[in-house]
Amino acid sequence: YVPGRKKLINLELMKTKMKKPEACKDILEVRKCIDSIDQKIITLLGLRLKYVLIASKFKKNLEWINAKTRRERMIKQRIALAKKKELDPTMIKEIYRILLTYFAKEQLFKWKLENKKRNRRTK
């Protein structure tokens, strides 16, 4: 969690046009497209983190943050989507386990911080 970070995410970035992979004429074009995709992925992960942190204020206790059942359901859904998109489901499962673990830690930190503030105000 980075306190005070207020940089807006530029969703216009998601609308950039790219060549289709088979239309690339050389390795430089391919790399440019890959870099563009990676920039979009990282931007979306930042946006996802913001939603995760906002969600912490709606969670009443630690069990809601850990939410193991929800996490497993999410992973199953992402695996199903990976299969539809012809991606390796094992890779997607590993990526989402890492992401969900990281986001849960960030959310837990934020939740504890907010609860500490709330407890001080009520005293």
C-alpha atoms as a PDB file:
ATOM      1  CA  TYR A   1       0.000   0.000   0.000  1.00  0.00           C
ATOM      2  CA  VAL A   2       1.421   3.353  -0.987  1.00  0.00           C
ATOM      3  CA  PRO A   3      -0.179   6.131   1.089  1.00  0.00           C
ATOM      4  CA  GLY A   4      -0.875   9.350  -0.741  1.00  0.00           C
ATOM      5  CA  ARG A   5      -0.613   7.895  -4.233  1.00  0.00           C
ATOM      6  CA  LYS A   6      -3.239   9.725  -6.228  1.00  0.00           C
ATOM      7  CA  LYS A   7      -2.036   9.392  -9.803  1.00  0.00           C
ATOM      8  CA  LEU A   8      -4.977   8.883 -12.122  1.00  0.00           C
ATOM      9  CA  ILE A   9      -4.896   5.886 -14.394  1.00  0.00           C
ATOM     10  CA  ASN A  10      -5.151   6.812 -18.050  1.00  0.00           C
ATOM     11  CA  LEU A  11      -7.815   4.510 -19.419  1.00  0.00           C
ATOM     12  CA  GLU A  12      -7.310   6.076 -22.856  1.00  0.00           C
ATOM     13  CA  LEU A  13      -4.197   3.925 -22.955  1.00  0.00           C
ATOM     14  CA  MET A  14      -6.456   0.904 -23.362  1.00  0.00           C
ATOM     15  CA  LYS A  15      -7.825   2.285 -26.634  1.00  0.00           C
ATOM     16  CA  THR A  16      -4.527   2.433 -28.518  1.00  0.00           C
ATOM     17  CA  LYS A  17      -4.528   0.650 -31.861  1.00  0.00           C
ATOM     18  CA  MET A  18      -1.969  -2.066 -32.499  1.00  0.00           C
ATOM     19  CA  LYS A  19      -1.032  -4.158 -35.437  1.00  0.00           C
ATOM     20  CA  LYS A  20      -2.141  -7.746 -35.480  1.00  0.00           C
ATOM     21  CA  PRO A  21       0.769 -10.055 -34.643  1.00  0.00           C
ATOM     22  CA  GLU A  22       0.895 -11.481 -38.163  1.00  0.00           C
ATOM     23  CA  ALA A  23       1.084  -7.949 -39.644  1.00  0.00           C
ATOM     24  CA  CYS A  24       4.384  -7.134 -37.904  1.00  0.00           C
ATOM     25  CA  LYS A  25       7.214  -6.826 -40.407  1.00  0.00           C
ATOM     26  CA  ASP A  26      10.193  -7.137 -38.060  1.00  0.00           C
ATOM     27  CA  ILE A  27      11.272  -7.835 -34.495  1.00  0.00           C
ATOM     28  CA  LEU A  28      11.146  -4.137 -33.572  1.00  0.00           C
ATOM     29  CA  GLU A  29       7.441  -3.941 -34.410  1.00  0.00           C
ATOM     30  CA  VAL A  30       6.793  -7.109 -32.435  1.00  0.00           C
ATOM     31  CA  ARG A  31       8.678  -5.734 -29.420  1.00  0.00           C
ATOM     32  CA  LYS A  32       6.843  -2.409 -29.637  1.00  0.00           C
ATOM     33  CA  CYS A  33       3.502  -4.232 -29.511  1.00  0.00           C
ATOM     34  CA  ILE A  34       4.620  -6.446 -26.618  1.00  0.00           C
ATOM     35  CA  ASP A  35       5.787  -3.371 -24.690  1.00  0.00           C
ATOM     36  CA  SER A  36       2.419  -1.721 -25.319  1.00  0.00           C
ATOM     37  CA  ILE A  37       0.561  -4.783 -24.048  1.00  0.00           C
ATOM     38  CA  ASP A  38       2.747  -4.940 -20.934  1.00  0.00           C
ATOM     39  CA  GLN A  39       2.073  -1.266 -20.237  1.00  0.00           C
ATOM     40  CA  LYS A  40      -1.661  -1.963 -20.437  1.00  0.00           C
ATOM     41  CA  ILE A  41      -1.398  -5.015 -18.172  1.00  0.00           C
ATOM     42  CA  ILE A  42       0.515  -3.037 -15.536  1.00  0.00           C
ATOM     43  CA  THR A  43      -1.936  -0.131 -15.771  1.00  0.00           C
ATOM     44  CA  LEU A  44      -4.846  -2.529 -15.261  1.00  0.00           C
ATOM     45  CA  LEU A  45      -3.116  -4.188 -12.300  1.00  0.00           C
ATOM     46  CA  GLY A  46      -2.767  -0.751 -10.717  1.00  0.00           C
ATOM     47  CA  LEU A  47      -6.461  -0.107 -11.275  1.00  0.00           C
ATOM     48  CA  ARG A  48      -7.320  -3.545  -9.860  1.00  0.00           C
ATOM     49  CA  LEU A  49      -5.300  -2.743  -6.745  1.00  0.00           C
ATOM     50  CA  LYS A  50      -7.295   0.448  -6.238  1.00  0.00           C
ATOM     51  CA  TYR A  51     -10.543  -1.523  -6.347  1.00  0.00           C
ATOM     52  CA  VAL A  52      -9.147  -4.114  -3.939  1.00  0.00           C
ATOM     53  CA  LEU A  53      -8.123  -1.411  -1.480  1.00  0.00           C
ATOM     54  CA  ILE A  54     -11.514   0.315  -1.714  1.00  0.00           C
ATOM     55  CA  ALA A  55     -13.194  -3.052  -1.079  1.00  0.00           C
ATOM     56  CA  SER A  56     -11.408  -3.252   2.291  1.00  0.00           C
ATOM     57  CA  LYS A  57     -13.751  -0.626   3.749  1.00  0.00           C
ATOM     58  CA  PHE A  58     -16.727  -2.910   3.085  1.00  0.00           C
ATOM     59  CA  LYS A  59     -15.173  -5.918   4.791  1.00  0.00           C
ATOM     60  CA  LYS A  60     -16.243  -6.395   8.386  1.00  0.00           C
ATOM     61  CA  ASN A  61     -13.545  -8.771   9.590  1.00  0.00           C
ATOM     62  CA  LEU A  62     -10.397 -10.689   8.655  1.00  0.00           C
ATOM     63  CA  GLU A  63     -12.333 -13.677   7.335  1.00  0.00           C
ATOM     64  CA  TRP A  64     -13.840 -11.418   4.668  1.00  0.00           C
ATOM     65  CA  ILE A  65     -10.350 -10.414   3.565  1.00  0.00           C
ATOM     66  CA  ASN A  66      -8.980 -13.945   3.500  1.00  0.00           C
ATOM     67  CA  ALA A  67     -12.142 -15.209   1.728  1.00  0.00           C
ATOM     68  CA  LYS A  68     -10.601 -18.521   0.699  1.00  0.00           C
ATOM     69  CA  THR A  69     -13.810 -19.799  -0.907  1.00  0.00           C
ATOM     70  CA  ARG A  70     -14.121 -16.668  -3.037  1.00  0.00           C
ATOM     71  CA  ARG A  71     -10.468 -16.860  -4.028  1.00  0.00           C
ATOM     72  CA  GLU A  72     -10.812 -20.464  -5.182  1.00  0.00           C
ATOM     73  CA  ARG A  73     -13.972 -19.618  -7.119  1.00  0.00           C
ATOM     74  CA  MET A  74     -12.172 -16.717  -8.819  1.00  0.00           C
ATOM     75  CA  ILE A  75      -9.279 -18.963  -9.807  1.00  0.00           C
ATOM     76  CA  LYS A  76     -11.674 -21.527 -11.297  1.00  0.00           C
ATOM     77  CA  GLN A  77     -13.378 -18.768 -13.294  1.00  0.00           C
ATOM     78  CA  ARG A  78     -10.027 -17.457 -14.572  1.00  0.00           C
ATOM     79  CA  ILE A  79      -8.970 -20.990 -15.547  1.00  0.00           C
ATOM     80  CA  ALA A  80     -12.203 -21.436 -17.511  1.00  0.00           C
ATOM     81  CA  LEU A  81     -11.608 -18.120 -19.269  1.00  0.00           C
ATOM     82  CA  ALA A  82      -8.018 -19.117 -20.040  1.00  0.00           C
ATOM     83  CA  LYS A  83      -9.241 -22.305 -21.686  1.00  0.00           C
ATOM     84  CA  LYS A  84     -11.714 -20.320 -23.822  1.00  0.00           C
ATOM     85  CA  LYS A  85      -8.879 -18.003 -24.875  1.00  0.00           C
ATOM     86  CA  GLU A  86      -6.612 -20.989 -25.581  1.00  0.00           C
ATOM     87  CA  LEU A  87      -4.138 -20.107 -22.837  1.00  0.00           C
ATOM     88  CA  ASP A  88      -2.377 -22.535 -20.545  1.00  0.00           C
ATOM     89  CA  PRO A  89      -4.723 -22.869 -17.528  1.00  0.00           C
ATOM     90  CA  THR A  90      -1.819 -23.857 -15.259  1.00  0.00           C
ATOM     91  CA  MET A  91      -0.016 -20.601 -16.046  1.00  0.00           C
ATOM     92  CA  ILE A  92      -3.169 -18.554 -15.390  1.00  0.00           C
ATOM     93  CA  LYS A  93      -3.763 -20.427 -12.127  1.00  0.00           C
ATOM     94  CA  GLU A  94      -0.207 -19.655 -10.944  1.00  0.00           C
ATOM     95  CA  ILE A  95      -0.428 -16.002 -11.983  1.00  0.00           C
ATOM     96  CA  TYR A  96      -3.744 -15.515 -10.188  1.00  0.00           C
ATOM     97  CA  ARG A  97      -2.572 -17.273  -7.045  1.00  0.00           C
ATOM     98  CA  ILE A  98       0.348 -14.829  -6.898  1.00  0.00           C
ATOM     99  CA  LEU A  99      -1.865 -11.823  -7.677  1.00  0.00           C
ATOM    100  CA  LEU A 100      -4.581 -12.758  -5.213  1.00  0.00           C
ATOM    101  CA  THR A 101      -2.068 -13.426  -2.437  1.00  0.00           C
ATOM    102  CA  TYR A 102      -0.396 -10.066  -3.045  1.00  0.00           C
ATOM    103  CA  PHE A 103      -3.674  -8.144  -3.248  1.00  0.00           C
ATOM    104  CA  ALA A 104      -4.983  -9.835  -0.084  1.00  0.00           C
ATOM    105  CA  LYS A 105      -1.840  -8.745   1.802  1.00  0.00           C
ATOM    106  CA  GLU A 106      -2.259  -5.174   0.570  1.00  0.00           C
ATOM    107  CA  GLN A 107      -5.939  -5.208   1.483  1.00  0.00           C
ATOM    108  CA  LEU A 108      -5.194  -6.605   4.928  1.00  0.00           C
ATOM    109  CA  PHE A 109      -2.644  -3.857   5.556  1.00  0.00           C
ATOM    110  CA  LYS A 110      -5.140  -1.184   4.474  1.00  0.00           C
ATOM    111  CA  TRP A 111      -7.949  -2.780   6.515  1.00  0.00           C
ATOM    112  CA  LYS A 112      -5.824  -2.865   9.682  1.00  0.00           C
ATOM    113  CA  LEU A 113      -4.737   0.736   9.129  1.00  0.00           C
ATOM    114  CA  GLU A 114      -8.326   1.915   8.650  1.00  0.00           C
ATOM    115  CA  ASN A 115      -9.576  -0.029  11.682  1.00  0.00           C
ATOM    116  CA  LYS A 116      -6.822   1.448  13.822  1.00  0.00           C
ATOM    117  CA  LYS A 117      -7.958   4.944  12.753  1.00  0.00           C
ATOM    118  CA  ARG A 118     -11.613   4.080  13.433  1.00  0.00           C
ATOM    119  CA  ASN A 119     -10.775   2.697  16.874  1.00  0.00           C
ATOM    120  CA  ARG A 120      -8.861   5.859  17.792  1.00  0.00           C
ATOM    121  CA  ARG A 121     -11.834   8.027  16.760  1.00  0.00           C
ATOM    122  CA  THR A 122     -14.279   6.042  18.895  1.00  0.00           C
ATOM    123  CA  LYS A 123     -12.153   6.320  22.043  1.00  0.00           C
END
